[in-house]
Structure formats: structure tokens, C-alpha cells
N, C-alpha and C. Protein backbone atom coordinates (compact mmCIF):
# COMPACT_ATOMS: atom_id res chain seq x y z
N MET A 1 0.97 -1.18 0.10
CA MET A 1 -0.35 -0.11 -0.18
C MET A 1 1.02 1.31 0.06
N SER A 2 0.49 2.43 -0.84
CA SER A 2 1.52 3.72 -1.08
C SER A 2 1.45 4.30 0.74
N ASP A 3 1.81 5.47 0.36
CA ASP A 3 1.85 6.28 1.92
C ASP A 3 0.52 7.18 1.85
N GLU A 4 0.05 7.03 0.51
CA GLU A 4 -1.39 8.11 0.25
C GLU A 4 -2.43 7.34 1.77
N ILE A 5 -3.49 8.24 1.87
CA ILE A 5 -4.44 8.32 2.80
C ILE A 5 -5.64 6.40 2.48
N ALA A 6 -5.52 6.10 3.57
CA ALA A 6 -6.86 4.86 3.20
C ALA A 6 -8.01 5.50 3.96
N ALA A 7 -9.13 5.55 3.95
CA ALA A 7 -10.49 6.04 4.41
C ALA A 7 -11.27 4.90 4.19
N CYS A 8 -11.75 4.54 5.49
CA CYS A 8 -12.93 3.63 5.54
C CYS A 8 -13.65 4.13 5.74
N GLY A 9 -15.14 3.43 5.46
CA GLY A 9 -16.21 4.06 6.01
C GLY A 9 -17.38 2.49 6.60
N ILE A 10 -17.71 2.65 7.87
CA ILE A 10 -18.26 1.45 8.47
C ILE A 10 -19.61 1.80 8.99
N ASP A 11 -20.77 1.38 7.99
CA ASP A 11 -22.55 1.28 8.21
C ASP A 11 -22.80 -0.26 9.51
N LEU A 12 -22.74 0.35 10.19
CA LEU A 12 -22.72 -0.91 11.54
C LEU A 12 -24.19 -1.70 11.38
N SER A 13 -23.96 -2.86 11.26
CA SER A 13 -25.92 -3.68 11.32
C SER A 13 -25.35 -5.29 11.71
N LEU A 14 -26.36 -5.90 12.19
CA LEU A 14 -26.33 -7.15 13.09
C LEU A 14 -25.95 -8.27 11.64
N THR A 15 -27.10 -7.52 10.76
CA THR A 15 -27.33 -8.82 9.74
C THR A 15 -26.41 -8.26 8.51
N GLY A 16 -26.14 -7.28 8.43
CA GLY A 16 -25.16 -6.86 7.00
C GLY A 16 -24.74 -5.52 7.41
N THR A 17 -23.69 -5.70 8.04
CA THR A 17 -22.86 -4.23 7.92
C THR A 17 -22.31 -3.56 6.79
N GLY A 18 -21.93 -3.16 6.44
CA GLY A 18 -21.41 -2.08 5.13
C GLY A 18 -20.41 -1.31 5.07
N PHE A 19 -18.80 -1.91 4.79
CA PHE A 19 -17.57 -1.14 4.70
C PHE A 19 -17.10 -1.01 3.46
N CYS A 20 -16.48 0.27 3.35
CA CYS A 20 -15.59 0.43 2.80
C CYS A 20 -14.60 0.92 2.58
N LEU A 21 -13.38 1.17 1.94
CA LEU A 21 -12.18 1.00 1.90
C LEU A 21 -11.82 2.09 0.52
N LYS A 22 -11.45 3.44 0.93
CA LYS A 22 -11.24 4.17 -0.44
C LYS A 22 -9.47 4.79 -0.23
N HIS A 23 -8.74 4.11 -1.13
CA HIS A 23 -7.43 3.95 -1.41
C HIS A 23 -6.65 5.62 -2.53
N GLY A 24 -6.49 6.28 -2.47
CA GLY A 24 -6.51 6.80 -3.82
C GLY A 24 -7.59 6.51 -4.94
N LYS A 25 -6.87 5.86 -5.90
CA LYS A 25 -8.48 5.85 -6.91
C LYS A 25 -9.42 4.84 -7.09
N SER A 26 -8.41 3.45 -6.06
CA SER A 26 -9.09 2.81 -5.88
C SER A 26 -10.51 2.59 -4.77
N LEU A 27 -11.41 1.59 -4.61
CA LEU A 27 -12.80 2.07 -3.90
C LEU A 27 -13.45 0.13 -3.55
N SER A 28 -13.44 0.23 -2.59
CA SER A 28 -13.86 -1.43 -2.85
C SER A 28 -15.38 -1.05 -1.37
N VAL A 29 -15.96 -2.04 -1.99
CA VAL A 29 -17.48 -1.76 -0.89
C VAL A 29 -17.93 -3.38 -0.71
N GLU A 30 -18.17 -3.69 0.39
CA GLU A 30 -18.67 -4.51 0.78
C GLU A 30 -19.52 -4.62 1.87
N THR A 31 -20.49 -5.85 1.88
CA THR A 31 -21.20 -6.17 3.65
C THR A 31 -20.82 -7.27 4.30
N ILE A 32 -20.79 -6.68 5.36
CA ILE A 32 -20.32 -8.16 6.03
C ILE A 32 -21.25 -8.45 6.97
N LYS A 33 -21.60 -9.97 6.20
CA LYS A 33 -23.45 -10.33 6.82
C LYS A 33 -23.04 -11.68 8.38
N THR A 34 -24.01 -11.23 8.44
CA THR A 34 -23.93 -12.55 9.73
C THR A 34 -25.56 -13.25 9.94
N LYS A 35 -25.95 -14.48 10.08
CA LYS A 35 -27.22 -15.14 10.40
C LYS A 35 -27.01 -14.75 12.16
N PRO A 36 -28.29 -15.12 13.23
CA PRO A 36 -28.55 -15.21 14.32
C PRO A 36 -27.86 -16.61 14.29
N LYS A 37 -28.45 -17.68 13.81
CA LYS A 37 -28.21 -18.74 13.73
C LYS A 37 -27.06 -19.79 13.40
N ASP A 38 -26.21 -18.65 12.70
CA ASP A 38 -24.90 -19.56 12.99
C ASP A 38 -23.78 -19.40 14.03
N TYR A 39 -24.32 -18.78 15.18
CA TYR A 39 -23.65 -18.08 16.34
C TYR A 39 -24.27 -18.75 17.65
N PRO A 40 -23.77 -18.95 18.90
CA PRO A 40 -24.43 -19.85 19.81
C PRO A 40 -25.24 -18.60 20.39
N ASN A 41 -24.32 -16.82 20.49
CA ASN A 41 -25.13 -16.28 21.19
C ASN A 41 -24.80 -14.91 20.35
N LYS A 42 -25.32 -13.51 21.03
CA LYS A 42 -24.91 -12.41 20.69
C LYS A 42 -24.04 -12.19 20.21
N ILE A 43 -23.01 -12.53 21.93
CA ILE A 43 -21.79 -12.34 22.16
C ILE A 43 -21.44 -12.33 21.02
N GLU A 44 -20.92 -13.99 20.57
CA GLU A 44 -20.10 -14.58 19.94
C GLU A 44 -20.23 -13.64 18.28
N ARG A 45 -21.75 -13.59 18.23
CA ARG A 45 -22.16 -12.93 16.54
C ARG A 45 -21.08 -11.12 16.44
N VAL A 46 -21.70 -10.66 17.52
CA VAL A 46 -20.54 -9.12 17.40
C VAL A 46 -19.42 -9.77 17.32
N LYS A 47 -18.58 -10.44 17.46
CA LYS A 47 -17.39 -10.62 17.84
C LYS A 47 -16.85 -11.09 16.58
N LYS A 48 -17.65 -11.44 15.91
CA LYS A 48 -17.02 -12.47 14.53
C LYS A 48 -17.48 -11.15 13.53
N ILE A 49 -18.31 -10.10 13.89
CA ILE A 49 -18.18 -8.68 12.95
C ILE A 49 -17.26 -7.47 13.02
N VAL A 50 -16.77 -7.29 14.91
CA VAL A 50 -15.88 -6.71 15.36
C VAL A 50 -14.54 -7.48 14.13
N ARG A 51 -14.18 -9.08 14.21
CA ARG A 51 -12.58 -9.04 13.81
C ARG A 51 -13.10 -8.98 12.52
N GLU A 52 -13.93 -9.10 12.06
CA GLU A 52 -14.53 -8.65 10.03
C GLU A 52 -13.88 -7.26 9.87
N VAL A 53 -14.64 -6.27 10.83
CA VAL A 53 -14.62 -5.05 10.19
C VAL A 53 -12.65 -4.68 10.70
N SER A 54 -12.43 -4.88 11.62
CA SER A 54 -10.87 -4.60 11.93
C SER A 54 -9.78 -5.58 11.11
N ARG A 55 -10.16 -6.62 10.61
CA ARG A 55 -8.80 -6.96 9.54
C ARG A 55 -8.98 -6.75 8.52
N ARG A 56 -9.69 -5.70 8.15
CA ARG A 56 -10.16 -4.86 6.65
C ARG A 56 -9.74 -3.42 6.92
N ILE A 57 -9.31 -3.11 8.00
CA ILE A 57 -8.63 -1.76 7.89
C ILE A 57 -7.29 -1.91 8.39
N PRO A 58 -6.53 -1.24 7.56
CA PRO A 58 -4.79 -0.73 6.66
C PRO A 58 -4.18 -0.25 8.57
N LYS A 59 -3.43 -0.55 8.81
CA LYS A 59 -2.64 -0.56 9.63
C LYS A 59 -1.85 0.44 10.05
N ARG A 60 -1.79 1.76 8.87
CA ARG A 60 -1.24 2.54 8.78
C ARG A 60 -1.86 3.97 8.16
N ASN A 61 -1.73 4.84 8.01
CA ASN A 61 -2.21 5.88 6.69
C ASN A 61 -3.84 6.06 7.02
N VAL A 62 -4.13 5.87 8.05
CA VAL A 62 -5.91 5.56 7.55
C VAL A 62 -6.83 6.36 8.96
N LEU A 63 -7.88 6.71 8.22
CA LEU A 63 -9.42 7.67 8.86
C LEU A 63 -10.08 7.02 8.88
N VAL A 64 -11.11 6.52 10.02
CA VAL A 64 -11.98 5.62 9.60
C VAL A 64 -13.57 6.47 10.03
N CYS A 65 -14.53 6.87 9.39
CA CYS A 65 -15.80 7.48 9.99
C CYS A 65 -16.88 5.95 10.31
N VAL A 66 -17.60 6.11 11.48
CA VAL A 66 -18.45 5.22 11.68
C VAL A 66 -20.14 5.66 11.96
N GLU A 67 -20.96 5.13 11.23
CA GLU A 67 -21.88 5.77 11.59
C GLU A 67 -22.77 6.11 13.02
N ASN A 68 -23.22 6.76 13.56
CA ASN A 68 -23.70 6.79 14.61
C ASN A 68 -24.69 5.97 15.21
N TYR A 69 -25.22 5.80 16.14
CA TYR A 69 -26.51 5.11 16.25
C TYR A 69 -27.57 6.09 16.08
N PHE A 70 -28.50 5.32 15.64
CA PHE A 70 -30.35 5.47 15.10
C PHE A 70 -30.47 5.56 15.94
N THR A 71 -32.23 6.88 16.82
CA THR A 71 -32.81 6.75 17.81
C THR A 71 -34.23 6.68 17.34
N PRO A 72 -34.60 5.27 18.07
CA PRO A 72 -35.61 4.97 17.62
C PRO A 72 -36.66 5.46 17.26
N ALA A 73 -38.07 5.47 16.08
CA ALA A 73 -38.94 5.82 16.06
C ALA A 73 -40.39 5.77 16.94
N ASN A 74 -40.21 3.91 17.03
CA ASN A 74 -41.47 3.53 18.08
C ASN A 74 -40.97 2.61 18.43
N ARG A 75 -41.38 2.17 19.96
CA ARG A 75 -41.11 0.88 20.78
C ARG A 75 -40.51 0.06 20.82
N ALA A 76 -41.01 -0.13 18.93
CA ALA A 76 -40.83 -1.27 18.44
C ALA A 76 -39.68 -1.75 18.25
N GLN A 77 -38.98 -0.26 17.75
CA GLN A 77 -37.22 -0.37 17.25
C GLN A 77 -36.29 -0.86 19.05
N ILE A 78 -36.93 -0.54 19.79
CA ILE A 78 -35.91 -0.10 20.94
C ILE A 78 -35.02 -1.41 20.96
N GLY A 79 -35.64 -2.31 20.82
CA GLY A 79 -34.52 -3.32 20.94
C GLY A 79 -33.61 -3.86 19.83
N ALA A 80 -33.90 -3.35 18.52
CA ALA A 80 -33.25 -3.29 17.41
C ALA A 80 -31.87 -2.39 17.50
N ALA A 81 -32.58 -1.07 18.19
CA ALA A 81 -31.33 0.19 18.74
C ALA A 81 -30.84 -0.51 19.66
N MET A 82 -30.62 -1.09 20.79
CA MET A 82 -29.68 -1.81 21.42
C MET A 82 -29.02 -2.46 21.25
N SER A 83 -29.71 -3.38 20.15
CA SER A 83 -28.32 -4.20 20.00
C SER A 83 -27.27 -3.53 18.96
N LEU A 84 -27.73 -2.47 18.20
CA LEU A 84 -26.86 -1.51 17.19
C LEU A 84 -25.86 -1.01 18.39
N ILE A 85 -26.41 -0.84 19.42
CA ILE A 85 -25.68 0.25 20.27
C ILE A 85 -24.21 -0.85 20.85
N GLU A 86 -25.02 -2.20 21.63
CA GLU A 86 -23.86 -3.13 21.48
C GLU A 86 -22.56 -3.09 20.81
N LEU A 87 -23.44 -3.47 19.64
CA LEU A 87 -22.17 -3.29 18.36
C LEU A 87 -21.24 -2.25 18.28
N GLY A 88 -22.11 -1.36 17.86
CA GLY A 88 -21.54 -0.21 18.02
C GLY A 88 -20.02 0.59 19.22
N TRP A 89 -20.55 -0.01 20.18
CA TRP A 89 -19.35 -0.14 21.40
C TRP A 89 -18.17 -1.13 20.91
N SER A 90 -18.70 -1.90 20.66
CA SER A 90 -17.76 -3.19 20.43
C SER A 90 -16.63 -2.56 19.85
N VAL A 91 -17.51 -2.41 17.90
CA VAL A 91 -16.42 -1.84 17.45
C VAL A 91 -15.39 -0.71 17.61
N ARG A 92 -16.43 0.59 18.07
CA ARG A 92 -15.41 1.45 18.81
C ARG A 92 -14.40 1.19 19.66
N LEU A 93 -14.90 -0.06 20.64
CA LEU A 93 -13.81 0.45 21.34
C LEU A 93 -12.39 -0.61 20.58
N ALA A 94 -12.92 -1.30 19.47
CA ALA A 94 -11.49 -2.06 18.90
C ALA A 94 -10.94 -0.98 17.96
N LEU A 95 -11.48 0.15 17.42
CA LEU A 95 -10.96 0.74 17.37
C LEU A 95 -9.96 1.42 17.86
N TYR A 96 -10.63 1.95 18.94
CA TYR A 96 -10.03 2.82 19.55
C TYR A 96 -8.45 2.05 20.38
N GLN A 97 -8.62 0.72 21.12
CA GLN A 97 -7.55 0.12 21.44
C GLN A 97 -6.92 0.15 20.67
N GLY A 98 -7.38 0.00 19.32
CA GLY A 98 -6.37 -0.62 17.70
C GLY A 98 -5.80 0.87 17.96
N GLY A 99 -5.83 2.22 18.00
CA GLY A 99 -5.16 2.96 18.16
C GLY A 99 -5.43 3.78 16.79
N VAL A 100 -6.55 3.77 16.34
CA VAL A 100 -7.16 3.54 14.73
C VAL A 100 -7.55 4.95 14.69
N PRO A 101 -7.41 5.77 13.91
CA PRO A 101 -8.19 7.51 14.17
C PRO A 101 -9.57 7.55 13.85
N PHE A 102 -10.62 7.92 14.42
CA PHE A 102 -11.80 7.63 13.78
C PHE A 102 -12.76 9.02 14.47
N TYR A 103 -13.94 9.37 13.77
CA TYR A 103 -14.25 9.93 13.88
C TYR A 103 -16.33 8.79 13.83
N VAL A 104 -16.80 9.49 15.08
CA VAL A 104 -18.35 9.25 14.45
C VAL A 104 -19.21 9.78 14.36
N ILE A 105 -19.82 9.96 13.49
CA ILE A 105 -20.68 10.44 12.09
C ILE A 105 -22.10 10.55 12.70
N VAL A 106 -22.86 11.09 12.82
CA VAL A 106 -24.65 11.28 13.05
C VAL A 106 -24.80 11.34 11.33
N PRO A 107 -26.29 10.13 11.29
CA PRO A 107 -26.92 10.13 9.88
C PRO A 107 -26.93 11.77 9.10
N GLN A 108 -27.44 12.58 9.64
CA GLN A 108 -27.70 13.69 9.80
C GLN A 108 -26.60 14.32 8.25
N HIS A 109 -25.69 13.62 9.31
CA HIS A 109 -24.38 14.50 8.18
C HIS A 109 -24.21 14.00 7.07
N LEU A 110 -23.91 12.22 7.39
CA LEU A 110 -24.23 11.45 6.64
C LEU A 110 -25.02 11.39 5.43
N LYS A 111 -26.15 12.13 5.65
CA LYS A 111 -27.10 12.49 4.08
C LYS A 111 -27.00 13.67 3.93
N LYS A 112 -26.44 14.41 4.47
CA LYS A 112 -25.78 15.64 3.52
C LYS A 112 -24.32 15.65 3.03
N PHE A 113 -23.80 15.22 3.49
CA PHE A 113 -22.35 15.26 2.44
C PHE A 113 -22.63 14.25 1.20
N GLY A 114 -23.75 12.63 1.42
CA GLY A 114 -23.97 12.43 0.27
C GLY A 114 -25.11 12.59 -0.74
N THR A 115 -25.30 13.85 0.08
CA THR A 115 -27.01 13.99 -1.21
C THR A 115 -27.38 15.48 -1.19
N GLY A 116 -26.88 16.32 -0.43
CA GLY A 116 -27.17 17.92 -0.70
C GLY A 116 -28.31 18.08 0.30
N LYS A 117 -29.09 16.87 0.87
CA LYS A 117 -30.17 17.36 2.07
C LYS A 117 -29.55 16.05 3.60
N GLY A 118 -29.40 17.16 4.86
CA GLY A 118 -29.68 15.82 5.71
C GLY A 118 -30.70 15.04 6.32
N ASN A 119 -31.90 15.15 5.75
CA ASN A 119 -33.07 14.20 5.69
C ASN A 119 -33.27 13.63 4.71
N CYS A 120 -33.34 12.78 4.11
CA CYS A 120 -33.48 11.77 3.10
C CYS A 120 -33.54 10.33 2.58
N PRO A 121 -34.33 9.92 2.17
CA PRO A 121 -35.11 8.15 2.41
C PRO A 121 -33.35 7.39 2.19
N LYS A 122 -33.15 6.53 2.57
CA LYS A 122 -32.09 5.39 1.78
C LYS A 122 -32.19 5.61 1.09
N ALA A 123 -32.92 5.08 -0.11
CA ALA A 123 -32.92 5.29 -1.51
C ALA A 123 -32.52 6.08 -2.30
N ILE A 124 -32.75 7.95 -2.07
CA ILE A 124 -32.11 8.38 -2.31
C ILE A 124 -30.47 8.80 -2.05
N VAL A 125 -30.15 8.04 -1.19
CA VAL A 125 -28.52 8.06 -0.58
C VAL A 125 -27.86 6.88 -1.82
N VAL A 126 -28.81 5.64 -2.00
CA VAL A 126 -27.88 4.65 -2.78
C VAL A 126 -28.16 5.52 -3.96
N ARG A 127 -29.25 5.78 -4.75
CA ARG A 127 -29.15 6.50 -5.87
C ARG A 127 -28.06 7.98 -5.85
N GLU A 128 -27.53 8.47 -5.13
CA GLU A 128 -26.52 9.74 -4.83
C GLU A 128 -25.39 9.18 -5.10
N VAL A 129 -24.88 8.23 -4.71
CA VAL A 129 -23.81 7.45 -4.55
C VAL A 129 -23.07 6.98 -5.95
N TYR A 130 -24.16 6.36 -6.85
CA TYR A 130 -23.76 5.80 -8.17
C TYR A 130 -23.59 7.60 -8.73
N LYS A 131 -24.41 8.13 -8.31
CA LYS A 131 -24.41 9.79 -9.95
C LYS A 131 -23.19 9.99 -9.33
N ARG A 132 -22.83 10.36 -7.84
CA ARG A 132 -21.58 11.13 -7.70
C ARG A 132 -20.26 10.62 -7.86
N TRP A 133 -20.49 9.18 -7.76
CA TRP A 133 -18.82 8.42 -7.36
C TRP A 133 -18.74 7.23 -8.26
N GLY A 134 -20.03 6.77 -9.32
CA GLY A 134 -19.88 5.80 -9.91
C GLY A 134 -19.88 4.68 -9.41
N VAL A 135 -20.83 4.19 -8.25
CA VAL A 135 -20.24 3.41 -7.25
C VAL A 135 -21.68 2.69 -7.12
N ASP A 136 -22.15 1.64 -7.75
CA ASP A 136 -23.03 0.44 -7.53
C ASP A 136 -22.90 -0.39 -6.81
N VAL A 137 -23.38 0.38 -5.55
CA VAL A 137 -24.11 -0.27 -4.57
C VAL A 137 -24.85 -1.61 -4.09
N LYS A 138 -24.72 -2.25 -3.79
CA LYS A 138 -25.86 -3.65 -3.48
C LYS A 138 -26.98 -3.47 -2.38
N ASP A 139 -26.42 -2.73 -1.24
CA ASP A 139 -28.13 -2.21 -0.09
C ASP A 139 -27.73 -0.72 0.27
N ASP A 140 -28.02 -0.42 1.46
CA ASP A 140 -28.14 0.99 1.43
C ASP A 140 -27.06 0.90 2.86
N ASN A 141 -26.93 -0.10 3.07
CA ASN A 141 -25.38 -0.27 4.43
C ASN A 141 -24.07 0.36 3.68
N GLN A 142 -24.12 -0.34 2.45
CA GLN A 142 -22.70 -0.52 1.22
C GLN A 142 -22.98 1.03 1.25
N ALA A 143 -23.92 1.93 1.03
CA ALA A 143 -24.16 3.19 0.14
C ALA A 143 -23.35 4.23 1.57
N ASP A 144 -23.96 3.68 2.43
CA ASP A 144 -23.70 4.71 3.60
C ASP A 144 -22.09 4.43 3.86
N ALA A 145 -21.74 3.30 3.77
CA ALA A 145 -19.89 2.88 4.06
C ALA A 145 -19.36 4.12 3.26
N CYS A 146 -20.46 3.36 1.66
CA CYS A 146 -19.37 4.70 0.89
C CYS A 146 -19.03 6.23 1.01
N VAL A 147 -19.90 6.64 1.99
CA VAL A 147 -20.32 8.11 2.26
C VAL A 147 -19.56 8.65 2.90
N LEU A 148 -19.11 7.46 4.04
CA LEU A 148 -18.53 7.65 4.92
C LEU A 148 -17.44 7.70 5.13
N ALA A 149 -17.27 6.28 3.75
CA ALA A 149 -15.11 6.59 3.45
C ALA A 149 -14.82 7.75 2.46
N HIS A 150 -16.27 8.49 1.65
CA HIS A 150 -15.31 9.44 1.00
C HIS A 150 -15.70 11.12 2.39
N ILE A 151 -16.16 10.90 3.40
CA ILE A 151 -16.19 11.69 4.23
C ILE A 151 -14.78 12.22 5.30
N ALA A 152 -14.14 10.48 5.05
CA ALA A 152 -12.97 10.83 5.85
C ALA A 152 -11.51 10.61 4.50
N HIS A 153 -12.02 10.59 3.79
CA HIS A 153 -11.04 11.17 2.87
C HIS A 153 -10.70 12.21 2.70
N SER A 154 -12.01 13.04 2.79
CA SER A 154 -12.50 14.58 2.29
C SER A 154 -11.78 15.32 3.77
N ILE A 155 -11.62 14.93 4.56
CA ILE A 155 -10.68 14.90 5.76
C ILE A 155 -9.42 14.83 6.12
N ALA A 156 -9.20 13.73 5.61
CA ALA A 156 -7.74 13.30 5.79
C ALA A 156 -7.12 13.78 4.44
N THR A 157 -7.46 14.18 3.48
CA THR A 157 -6.62 15.08 2.91
C THR A 157 -6.53 16.28 2.83
N TRP A 158 -7.83 16.85 3.73
CA TRP A 158 -8.04 18.49 3.51
C TRP A 158 -8.31 18.63 2.07
N GLU A 159 -9.16 18.10 1.28
CA GLU A 159 -10.36 18.26 0.15
C GLU A 159 -10.66 19.72 0.01
N GLU A 160 -10.77 20.69 -0.71
CA GLU A 160 -10.95 21.96 -0.51
C GLU A 160 -11.95 21.88 -2.10
N ASN A 161 -11.76 21.03 -2.60
CA ASN A 161 -12.42 21.56 -4.36
C ASN A 161 -13.91 20.99 -4.31
N LEU A 162 -14.60 21.03 -3.05
CA LEU A 162 -16.04 20.24 -2.61
C LEU A 162 -17.06 20.95 -3.25
N PRO A 163 -18.19 20.33 -3.01
CA PRO A 163 -19.32 20.94 -3.42
C PRO A 163 -19.09 21.86 -1.93
N ALA A 164 -20.07 23.57 -1.73
CA ALA A 164 -20.44 23.69 -0.54
C ALA A 164 -20.83 23.32 0.51
N TYR A 165 -21.52 22.30 0.46
CA TYR A 165 -22.37 21.54 1.37
C TYR A 165 -21.82 20.75 1.94
N GLN A 166 -21.13 19.91 1.11
CA GLN A 166 -20.01 18.92 1.68
C GLN A 166 -18.86 19.47 2.06
N LEU A 167 -18.33 21.06 1.86
CA LEU A 167 -17.60 21.19 2.50
C LEU A 167 -18.11 21.62 4.39
N GLU A 168 -19.42 22.42 4.14
CA GLU A 168 -19.73 22.82 5.17
C GLU A 168 -19.90 21.33 6.28
N THR A 169 -20.18 20.29 5.53
CA THR A 169 -20.55 19.26 6.57
C THR A 169 -19.17 18.81 6.97
N ILE A 170 -17.92 18.83 6.57
CA ILE A 170 -16.85 18.17 6.76
C ILE A 170 -16.55 19.28 8.09
N GLU A 171 -16.53 20.46 7.62
CA GLU A 171 -16.41 21.39 9.00
C GLU A 171 -17.32 21.46 10.38
N LYS A 172 -17.96 20.81 10.20
CA LYS A 172 -19.16 20.14 11.11
C LYS A 172 -18.56 19.12 12.26
N VAL A 173 -18.64 18.23 11.03
CA VAL A 173 -17.76 17.29 11.15
C VAL A 173 -16.53 17.20 12.36
N VAL A 174 -16.01 17.99 11.93
CA VAL A 174 -14.63 18.38 12.32
C VAL A 174 -14.63 19.06 13.65
N LEU A 175 -15.55 19.89 13.37
CA LEU A 175 -15.67 20.73 14.37
C LEU A 175 -16.67 19.98 16.03
N ASP A 176 -17.14 19.38 15.78
CA ASP A 176 -18.52 18.67 16.46
C ASP A 176 -18.68 17.45 16.33
N SER A 177 -18.14 16.53 16.04
CA SER A 177 -18.18 15.00 16.33
C SER A 177 -17.28 14.60 16.87
N GLU A 178 -17.77 13.20 18.05
CA GLU A 178 -16.76 12.74 18.30
C GLU A 178 -15.63 12.33 17.45
N SER A 179 -14.84 12.11 18.25
CA SER A 179 -13.46 11.78 18.01
C SER A 179 -12.25 11.08 18.74
N TYR A 180 -11.53 10.06 17.93
CA TYR A 180 -10.73 9.08 18.81
C TYR A 180 -9.26 9.03 18.53
N ASN A 181 -8.33 8.88 19.13
CA ASN A 181 -7.24 8.74 18.52
C ASN A 181 -6.79 9.73 17.17
N LEU A 182 -7.14 10.93 17.16
CA LEU A 182 -6.31 12.00 16.51
C LEU A 182 -4.90 13.06 16.51
N PRO A 183 -4.21 12.73 15.63
CA PRO A 183 -3.13 13.74 16.03
C PRO A 183 -3.89 15.03 16.23
N GLU A 184 -2.12 15.23 16.76
CA GLU A 184 -2.85 16.90 17.18
C GLU A 184 -2.54 17.82 15.97
N LYS A 185 -1.43 17.17 15.01
CA LYS A 185 -1.16 17.76 13.96
C LYS A 185 -2.21 18.22 13.00
N PRO A 186 -2.67 19.10 12.33
CA PRO A 186 -3.21 20.04 11.22
C PRO A 186 -3.30 18.47 10.49
N TRP A 187 -4.43 18.90 9.44
CA TRP A 187 -4.65 17.68 7.91
C TRP A 187 -3.81 18.60 6.64
N PRO A 188 -3.55 17.92 5.96
CA PRO A 188 -3.08 16.16 5.90
C PRO A 188 -1.79 15.96 6.44
N MET A 189 -1.71 14.47 6.96
CA MET A 189 -0.67 14.50 7.80
C MET A 189 -0.74 12.52 7.81
N GLU A 190 0.14 11.84 8.01
CA GLU A 190 0.43 10.14 8.48
C GLU A 190 -0.40 10.12 9.67
N LEU A 191 -0.99 9.07 9.21
CA LEU A 191 -2.15 8.25 10.31
C LEU A 191 -1.72 7.42 10.37
N SER A 192 -1.54 6.90 11.71
CA SER A 192 -0.87 5.36 11.86
C SER A 192 -1.90 4.74 13.09
N ALA A 193 -2.84 3.24 12.95
CA ALA A 193 -2.93 2.97 13.76
C ALA A 193 -1.73 2.33 14.79
N GLY A 194 -2.21 2.16 16.59
CA GLY A 194 -1.05 1.24 16.95
C GLY A 194 -0.23 2.17 17.01
N ASN A 195 -0.48 2.97 18.12
CA ASN A 195 0.95 4.20 18.44
C ASN A 195 2.49 3.36 18.61
């Protein structure tokens, strides 16, 4: 791998975690799938997802963006939200302990960066990923991961020739988002996991 920044986007889900790696002009997108019947319990299932995500992240020159949790709209979604929180904390802990620099991105910032609007249906994000970057994703998890990788790339390279709404989103992310393991020097710079 060259010294260019590798940008990763992760959209967490127990059934299909979207993962995108952007490195230079290369971009790969995939879904890490799991089924409850394949694991003796939820902890083993979460451990599998954490391992699969962790092994895909480069060890040097990397910046990761992980989507934050969703707020349940009704009581029926509370169980799903709690499971995602468990998975989310497990992945964040693995990234943190591994020294991987990362931002936690709220869904509104993801959507605004990808579509120009902070509140839109998932189908619009999928469409815009294809229109903007030519990536034919298989599902909305991959689409979200792709947008997150582009956010990470734009932050890490201090990309300035972006549309105004994307620059505004990047500024909000850098100023207001949870972030961990970030160096104190300004971008662009070498980012290394595991100091």
C-alpha cells in the first residue's frame, strides 16, 4: 500500500455491516453478513463482526468514519437500537484500543454529504452514491459506508474542491463530532494505527 491515506467507512448492522475502503483512486465496497443461527449467542456474533471489520482496516495511514446510532421512532425499534448500540460500542472499543483514528458521524451529516440534504430516504443515498461517485452498491449499508469513506477521505486529505454543502458538512464533523485517536497536527498528515 502506498503512503496515501486510506479512508474507511463503516455502517454497522448485525445482519449486514457495510464496509468501504477508499485508497487513492481505488474503492472497494462490501457487506459483512451474519445470521443469528450461525452463532451460539449474540456476543459471539458481535465478536465475529468486530473481527471482520478490524481485519479489513489498514494498519497505517488510515482514517475511519463510523455512523452513529439511530434514534428509534417507536417502541418496536428499541430492541434493534439496543443491539446496534452493543455492536457499535464493541467496534468503537476495538478501533480505540487499536489506536485507529476515527470519527463518529451522525446520520444527518452522512446524508447531507452524500446528497446535499440532511434528511432523505435511504434510496436517495443509494442513488446519489452512484450518480456522484459511480459506485453501484448492492444495499443501503454499502451506500452509507461509501459516503462515510468519502467523508474520511475528504477530512484526511483536506480536500477543498468540494461542493459548498460537503465543505460545510466536513467543517461540522471536524468541529462537533466525537473523535478518537486523532493526532494533534493539522491535516493532511500521516495517520497510523497502534502508536
